[in-house]
Amino acid sequence: MTKKKRRIRTGPIVCLFMIFIFGILIYCIFELLSSLKKEPPEEIKIVNQIESYNYNLDENDPAYVSELFKELKEELEKEPKDEEKYASLLSQIFLADFFTLNSATNKNDIGGTQFVLSSYKDSFIKKAKDTVYRYVENNIYGKREQELPIVSKVDVKKIEKKAYTTDKITDANAYYVNCEIHYKEELEYQVYANLILIHNENKLEIAVMK
């Protein structure tokens, strides 16, 4: 008795496969067109400067940071300037800028870095990305709905001048500044910070933040 060979009906399978591939192509084309329609992000504008210190204020900075920046500019234009007042204002504006995550475009947009000592900046940015800024969502098109902290005030609780020494740095008149950070809404972010500011020519720079 001769066995009949079973025929495999490949037609429906091929059709389903083709429909699947066609669907993927349509989806990819749709996503490509959508991305092309998006307007490119606008360039962030600088709205105030302290040129002799290379400090900049941009349009995304919150109102409190803008107020502190104006006060800092006025102080630095005085002759002679009050250096302890400079250290105090620099600490306030740095912490307000750093912990106002709501102004950050994404986790790489670290606030306050212009006030950080250059030799400390790389490690500071890396640590910020891995900790405080780690979960900041992208807001390049201004559509982020994530709730992020906004600093409402920074109080300087204590400031003193004393020596700071490491293998690479020695400053006999560094400023040690203890601050308390207040937020518009309590989101369980850092409330206290200790800073060390050292001299770099005519500038004070953040060498340590704890």
C-alpha atoms as a PDB file:
ATOM      1  CA  MET A   1       0.000   0.000   0.000  1.00  0.00           C
ATOM      2  CA  THR A   2       1.495   3.287  -1.084  1.00  0.00           C
ATOM      3  CA  LYS A   3       1.697   6.086   1.538  1.00  0.00           C
ATOM      4  CA  LYS A   4       0.416   9.472   0.429  1.00  0.00           C
ATOM      5  CA  LYS A   5       2.696  12.412   1.062  1.00  0.00           C
ATOM      6  CA  ARG A   6       1.146  15.110   3.271  1.00  0.00           C
ATOM      7  CA  ARG A   7       1.209  18.505   1.602  1.00  0.00           C
ATOM      8  CA  ILE A   8       2.215  21.453   3.745  1.00  0.00           C
ATOM      9  CA  ARG A   9       0.073  24.477   3.088  1.00  0.00           C
ATOM     10  CA  THR A  10       2.572  27.313   3.187  1.00  0.00           C
ATOM     11  CA  GLY A  11       0.366  29.969   1.614  1.00  0.00           C
ATOM     12  CA  PRO A  12      -1.366  31.290   4.798  1.00  0.00           C
ATOM     13  CA  ILE A  13       1.900  31.249   6.770  1.00  0.00           C
ATOM     14  CA  VAL A  14       3.664  33.314   4.106  1.00  0.00           C
ATOM     15  CA  CYS A  15       0.780  35.763   4.036  1.00  0.00           C
ATOM     16  CA  LEU A  16       0.837  36.199   7.830  1.00  0.00           C
ATOM     17  CA  PHE A  17       4.588  36.712   7.742  1.00  0.00           C
ATOM     18  CA  MET A  18       4.307  39.330   5.011  1.00  0.00           C
ATOM     19  CA  ILE A  19       1.558  41.155   6.938  1.00  0.00           C
ATOM     20  CA  PHE A  20       3.782  41.138  10.039  1.00  0.00           C
ATOM     21  CA  ILE A  21       6.754  42.574   8.127  1.00  0.00           C
ATOM     22  CA  PHE A  22       4.527  45.163   6.447  1.00  0.00           C
ATOM     23  CA  GLY A  23       3.160  46.221   9.865  1.00  0.00           C
ATOM     24  CA  ILE A  24       6.682  46.726  11.226  1.00  0.00           C
ATOM     25  CA  LEU A  25       7.641  48.823   8.189  1.00  0.00           C
ATOM     26  CA  ILE A  26       4.547  51.015   8.609  1.00  0.00           C
ATOM     27  CA  TYR A  27       5.336  51.498  12.314  1.00  0.00           C
ATOM     28  CA  CYS A  28       8.975  52.449  11.590  1.00  0.00           C
ATOM     29  CA  ILE A  29       7.920  54.943   8.904  1.00  0.00           C
ATOM     30  CA  PHE A  30       5.355  56.485  11.270  1.00  0.00           C
ATOM     31  CA  GLU A  31       7.938  56.877  14.062  1.00  0.00           C
ATOM     32  CA  LEU A  32      10.444  58.412  11.639  1.00  0.00           C
ATOM     33  CA  LEU A  33       7.921  60.951  10.375  1.00  0.00           C
ATOM     34  CA  SER A  34       6.872  61.802  13.937  1.00  0.00           C
ATOM     35  CA  SER A  35      10.456  62.445  14.965  1.00  0.00           C
ATOM     36  CA  LEU A  36      11.036  64.649  11.934  1.00  0.00           C
ATOM     37  CA  LYS A  37       7.986  66.734  12.805  1.00  0.00           C
ATOM     38  CA  LYS A  38       9.309  67.518  16.294  1.00  0.00           C
ATOM     39  CA  GLU A  39      10.785  70.964  16.606  1.00  0.00           C
ATOM     40  CA  PRO A  40      14.470  71.012  17.550  1.00  0.00           C
ATOM     41  CA  PRO A  41      15.125  72.156  21.137  1.00  0.00           C
ATOM     42  CA  GLU A  42      15.757  75.867  21.476  1.00  0.00           C
ATOM     43  CA  GLU A  43      19.199  77.056  22.487  1.00  0.00           C
ATOM     44  CA  ILE A  44      19.308  78.136  26.130  1.00  0.00           C
ATOM     45  CA  LYS A  45      19.994  81.863  26.410  1.00  0.00           C
ATOM     46  CA  ILE A  46      22.270  83.545  28.943  1.00  0.00           C
ATOM     47  CA  VAL A  47      20.344  86.370  30.636  1.00  0.00           C
ATOM     48  CA  ASN A  48      22.960  87.707  33.071  1.00  0.00           C
ATOM     49  CA  GLN A  49      26.728  87.486  33.531  1.00  0.00           C
ATOM     50  CA  ILE A  50      29.546  88.332  35.905  1.00  0.00           C
ATOM     51  CA  GLU A  51      32.229  88.486  33.247  1.00  0.00           C
ATOM     52  CA  SER A  52      35.331  88.954  35.391  1.00  0.00           C
ATOM     53  CA  TYR A  53      34.434  85.756  37.282  1.00  0.00           C
ATOM     54  CA  ASN A  54      33.018  83.859  34.298  1.00  0.00           C
ATOM     55  CA  TYR A  55      29.677  83.274  36.047  1.00  0.00           C
ATOM     56  CA  ASN A  56      26.536  82.943  33.903  1.00  0.00           C
ATOM     57  CA  LEU A  57      22.800  82.905  34.596  1.00  0.00           C
ATOM     58  CA  ASP A  58      20.597  81.279  31.948  1.00  0.00           C
ATOM     59  CA  GLU A  59      16.901  81.587  31.209  1.00  0.00           C
ATOM     60  CA  ASN A  60      16.084  78.191  32.743  1.00  0.00           C
ATOM     61  CA  ASP A  61      17.359  79.134  36.187  1.00  0.00           C
ATOM     62  CA  PRO A  62      14.560  79.565  38.765  1.00  0.00           C
ATOM     63  CA  ALA A  63      13.585  82.895  40.306  1.00  0.00           C
ATOM     64  CA  TYR A  64      15.405  82.235  43.589  1.00  0.00           C
ATOM     65  CA  VAL A  65      18.680  81.480  41.792  1.00  0.00           C
ATOM     66  CA  SER A  66      18.194  84.635  39.717  1.00  0.00           C
ATOM     67  CA  GLU A  67      17.761  86.725  42.895  1.00  0.00           C
ATOM     68  CA  LEU A  68      20.907  85.268  44.450  1.00  0.00           C
ATOM     69  CA  PHE A  69      22.868  85.803  41.240  1.00  0.00           C
ATOM     70  CA  LYS A  70      21.873  89.476  41.148  1.00  0.00           C
ATOM     71  CA  GLU A  71      22.954  89.892  44.776  1.00  0.00           C
ATOM     72  CA  LEU A  72      26.242  88.095  44.083  1.00  0.00           C
ATOM     73  CA  LYS A  73      26.921  90.347  41.094  1.00  0.00           C
ATOM     74  CA  GLU A  74      26.352  93.466  43.177  1.00  0.00           C
ATOM     75  CA  GLU A  75      28.695  92.187  45.886  1.00  0.00           C
ATOM     76  CA  LEU A  76      31.483  91.285  43.463  1.00  0.00           C
ATOM     77  CA  GLU A  77      31.351  94.712  41.848  1.00  0.00           C
ATOM     78  CA  LYS A  78      32.131  96.405  45.170  1.00  0.00           C
ATOM     79  CA  GLU A  79      35.617  97.611  46.035  1.00  0.00           C
ATOM     80  CA  PRO A  80      36.671  96.144  48.316  1.00  0.00           C
ATOM     81  CA  LYS A  81      34.269  93.219  48.321  1.00  0.00           C
ATOM     82  CA  ASP A  82      33.269  91.442  51.510  1.00  0.00           C
ATOM     83  CA  GLU A  83      34.834  88.002  50.927  1.00  0.00           C
ATOM     84  CA  GLU A  84      32.837  86.274  53.654  1.00  0.00           C
ATOM     85  CA  LYS A  85      29.649  87.606  52.078  1.00  0.00           C
ATOM     86  CA  TYR A  86      30.938  86.316  48.719  1.00  0.00           C
ATOM     87  CA  ALA A  87      31.501  82.856  50.244  1.00  0.00           C
ATOM     88  CA  SER A  88      28.033  82.893  51.782  1.00  0.00           C
ATOM     89  CA  LEU A  89      26.256  83.923  48.564  1.00  0.00           C
ATOM     90  CA  LEU A  90      28.277  81.490  46.463  1.00  0.00           C
ATOM     91  CA  SER A  91      27.276  78.640  48.792  1.00  0.00           C
ATOM     92  CA  GLN A  92      23.609  79.624  48.607  1.00  0.00           C
ATOM     93  CA  ILE A  93      23.471  79.954  44.836  1.00  0.00           C
ATOM     94  CA  PHE A  94      25.434  76.740  44.298  1.00  0.00           C
ATOM     95  CA  LEU A  95      23.129  74.653  46.494  1.00  0.00           C
ATOM     96  CA  ALA A  96      19.975  76.287  45.094  1.00  0.00           C
ATOM     97  CA  ASP A  97      21.123  75.586  41.540  1.00  0.00           C
ATOM     98  CA  PHE A  98      22.299  72.040  42.266  1.00  0.00           C
ATOM     99  CA  PHE A  99      19.221  70.853  44.172  1.00  0.00           C
ATOM    100  CA  THR A 100      16.603  72.529  41.958  1.00  0.00           C
ATOM    101  CA  LEU A 101      16.328  69.451  39.771  1.00  0.00           C
ATOM    102  CA  ASN A 102      13.146  70.768  38.189  1.00  0.00           C
ATOM    103  CA  SER A 103      15.320  73.104  36.074  1.00  0.00           C
ATOM    104  CA  ALA A 104      17.536  70.288  34.746  1.00  0.00           C
ATOM    105  CA  THR A 105      16.995  69.265  31.122  1.00  0.00           C
ATOM    106  CA  ASN A 106      18.084  65.702  31.921  1.00  0.00           C
ATOM    107  CA  LYS A 107      20.337  63.791  34.316  1.00  0.00           C
ATOM    108  CA  ASN A 108      23.442  65.176  32.554  1.00  0.00           C
ATOM    109  CA  ASP A 109      22.427  68.802  33.191  1.00  0.00           C
ATOM    110  CA  ILE A 110      24.041  69.214  36.608  1.00  0.00           C
ATOM    111  CA  GLY A 111      23.364  72.515  38.331  1.00  0.00           C
ATOM    112  CA  GLY A 112      26.069  74.641  39.941  1.00  0.00           C
ATOM    113  CA  THR A 113      29.083  73.121  38.174  1.00  0.00           C
ATOM    114  CA  GLN A 114      30.416  76.553  37.155  1.00  0.00           C
ATOM    115  CA  PHE A 115      31.204  77.153  40.842  1.00  0.00           C
ATOM    116  CA  VAL A 116      33.088  73.870  41.351  1.00  0.00           C
ATOM    117  CA  LEU A 117      36.887  73.586  41.479  1.00  0.00           C
ATOM    118  CA  SER A 118      38.104  72.359  38.063  1.00  0.00           C
ATOM    119  CA  SER A 119      40.164  69.469  39.462  1.00  0.00           C
ATOM    120  CA  TYR A 120      37.121  68.295  41.457  1.00  0.00           C
ATOM    121  CA  LYS A 121      34.529  68.847  38.721  1.00  0.00           C
ATOM    122  CA  ASP A 122      34.733  65.489  36.883  1.00  0.00           C
ATOM    123  CA  SER A 123      34.306  63.396  40.012  1.00  0.00           C
ATOM    124  CA  PHE A 124      31.605  65.776  41.258  1.00  0.00           C
ATOM    125  CA  ILE A 125      29.579  65.412  38.035  1.00  0.00           C
ATOM    126  CA  LYS A 126      29.983  61.626  37.976  1.00  0.00           C
ATOM    127  CA  LYS A 127      28.768  61.300  41.551  1.00  0.00           C
ATOM    128  CA  ALA A 128      25.827  63.643  40.877  1.00  0.00           C
ATOM    129  CA  LYS A 129      24.735  61.553  37.861  1.00  0.00           C
ATOM    130  CA  ASP A 130      24.938  58.362  39.921  1.00  0.00           C
ATOM    131  CA  THR A 131      23.031  59.771  42.903  1.00  0.00           C
ATOM    132  CA  VAL A 132      20.958  62.967  43.049  1.00  0.00           C
ATOM    133  CA  TYR A 133      20.383  63.294  39.275  1.00  0.00           C
ATOM    134  CA  ARG A 134      20.137  59.570  38.526  1.00  0.00           C
ATOM    135  CA  TYR A 135      16.374  59.417  37.940  1.00  0.00           C
ATOM    136  CA  VAL A 136      15.844  62.828  36.327  1.00  0.00           C
ATOM    137  CA  GLU A 137      13.808  62.243  33.170  1.00  0.00           C
ATOM    138  CA  ASN A 138      14.565  63.946  29.869  1.00  0.00           C
ATOM    139  CA  ASN A 139      12.758  67.263  29.349  1.00  0.00           C
ATOM    140  CA  ILE A 140      14.366  68.459  26.131  1.00  0.00           C
ATOM    141  CA  TYR A 141      10.925  69.144  24.585  1.00  0.00           C
ATOM    142  CA  GLY A 142       9.362  70.520  27.782  1.00  0.00           C
ATOM    143  CA  LYS A 143       6.834  67.710  28.268  1.00  0.00           C
ATOM    144  CA  ARG A 144       8.185  66.103  31.443  1.00  0.00           C
ATOM    145  CA  GLU A 145       5.545  65.382  34.112  1.00  0.00           C
ATOM    146  CA  GLN A 146       7.971  64.088  36.759  1.00  0.00           C
ATOM    147  CA  GLU A 147       7.792  65.789  40.166  1.00  0.00           C
ATOM    148  CA  LEU A 148      11.225  67.195  41.035  1.00  0.00           C
ATOM    149  CA  PRO A 149      12.504  69.442  43.848  1.00  0.00           C
ATOM    150  CA  ILE A 150      12.615  73.241  43.691  1.00  0.00           C
ATOM    151  CA  VAL A 151      14.739  75.033  46.278  1.00  0.00           C
ATOM    152  CA  SER A 152      12.906  77.951  47.905  1.00  0.00           C
ATOM    153  CA  LYS A 153      15.667  79.101  50.258  1.00  0.00           C
ATOM    154  CA  VAL A 154      19.176  78.267  51.482  1.00  0.00           C
ATOM    155  CA  ASP A 155      20.150  79.402  54.979  1.00  0.00           C
ATOM    156  CA  VAL A 156      23.814  79.716  55.946  1.00  0.00           C
ATOM    157  CA  LYS A 157      23.966  78.378  59.496  1.00  0.00           C
ATOM    158  CA  LYS A 158      27.691  78.706  60.093  1.00  0.00           C
ATOM    159  CA  ILE A 159      30.698  80.034  58.210  1.00  0.00           C
ATOM    160  CA  GLU A 160      34.297  80.044  59.365  1.00  0.00           C
ATOM    161  CA  LYS A 161      37.731  80.537  57.845  1.00  0.00           C
ATOM    162  CA  LYS A 162      40.473  77.966  58.441  1.00  0.00           C
ATOM    163  CA  ALA A 163      43.133  75.964  56.626  1.00  0.00           C
ATOM    164  CA  TYR A 164      42.330  73.283  54.075  1.00  0.00           C
ATOM    165  CA  THR A 165      45.090  70.933  52.905  1.00  0.00           C
ATOM    166  CA  THR A 166      45.271  67.908  50.617  1.00  0.00           C
ATOM    167  CA  ASP A 167      48.068  66.302  48.587  1.00  0.00           C
ATOM    168  CA  LYS A 168      47.406  68.797  45.783  1.00  0.00           C
ATOM    169  CA  ILE A 169      45.756  71.779  47.488  1.00  0.00           C
ATOM    170  CA  THR A 170      46.716  74.080  50.335  1.00  0.00           C
ATOM    171  CA  ASP A 171      44.637  77.081  51.341  1.00  0.00           C
ATOM    172  CA  ALA A 172      45.294  78.671  54.725  1.00  0.00           C
ATOM    173  CA  ASN A 173      42.101  80.745  54.469  1.00  0.00           C
ATOM    174  CA  ALA A 174      39.489  78.382  53.098  1.00  0.00           C
ATOM    175  CA  TYR A 175      35.827  78.881  53.999  1.00  0.00           C
ATOM    176  CA  TYR A 176      33.864  76.133  55.744  1.00  0.00           C
ATOM    177  CA  VAL A 177      30.140  76.737  55.235  1.00  0.00           C
ATOM    178  CA  ASN A 178      27.235  74.829  56.825  1.00  0.00           C
ATOM    179  CA  CYS A 179      23.853  75.307  55.161  1.00  0.00           C
ATOM    180  CA  GLU A 180      20.218  74.267  55.479  1.00  0.00           C
ATOM    181  CA  ILE A 181      18.187  73.754  52.295  1.00  0.00           C
ATOM    182  CA  HIS A 182      14.436  74.468  52.099  1.00  0.00           C
ATOM    183  CA  TYR A 183      12.161  73.252  49.286  1.00  0.00           C
ATOM    184  CA  LYS A 184       8.808  74.386  47.910  1.00  0.00           C
ATOM    185  CA  GLU A 185       7.554  70.836  48.480  1.00  0.00           C
ATOM    186  CA  GLU A 186       9.055  68.138  50.668  1.00  0.00           C
ATOM    187  CA  LEU A 187      10.256  65.314  48.408  1.00  0.00           C
ATOM    188  CA  GLU A 188      12.813  63.798  50.790  1.00  0.00           C
ATOM    189  CA  TYR A 189      15.907  65.339  49.247  1.00  0.00           C
ATOM    190  CA  GLN A 190      19.005  66.456  51.163  1.00  0.00           C
ATOM    191  CA  VAL A 191      18.305  69.181  53.740  1.00  0.00           C
ATOM    192  CA  TYR A 192      21.782  69.924  55.149  1.00  0.00           C
ATOM    193  CA  ALA A 193      25.058  70.456  53.283  1.00  0.00           C
ATOM    194  CA  ASN A 194      28.617  71.251  54.336  1.00  0.00           C
ATOM    195  CA  LEU A 195      30.835  72.999  51.816  1.00  0.00           C
ATOM    196  CA  ILE A 196      34.505  73.920  51.653  1.00  0.00           C
ATOM    197  CA  LEU A 197      35.415  76.875  49.416  1.00  0.00           C
ATOM    198  CA  ILE A 198      39.003  77.576  48.448  1.00  0.00           C
ATOM    199  CA  HIS A 199      40.743  80.444  46.666  1.00  0.00           C
ATOM    200  CA  ASN A 200      41.646  80.277  43.004  1.00  0.00           C
ATOM    201  CA  GLU A 201      43.153  83.640  42.036  1.00  0.00           C
ATOM    202  CA  ASN A 202      40.293  86.162  42.445  1.00  0.00           C
ATOM    203  CA  LYS A 203      37.628  83.460  42.751  1.00  0.00           C
ATOM    204  CA  LEU A 204      36.271  81.147  45.426  1.00  0.00           C
ATOM    205  CA  GLU A 205      35.450  77.630  44.250  1.00  0.00           C
ATOM    206  CA  ILE A 206      33.663  74.637  45.767  1.00  0.00           C
ATOM    207  CA  ALA A 207      36.303  72.055  46.683  1.00  0.00           C
ATOM    208  CA  VAL A 208      34.139  69.759  48.845  1.00  0.00           C
ATOM    209  CA  MET A 209      30.418  69.102  49.298  1.00  0.00           C
ATOM    210  CA  LYS A 210      29.155  66.761  51.998  1.00  0.00           C
END
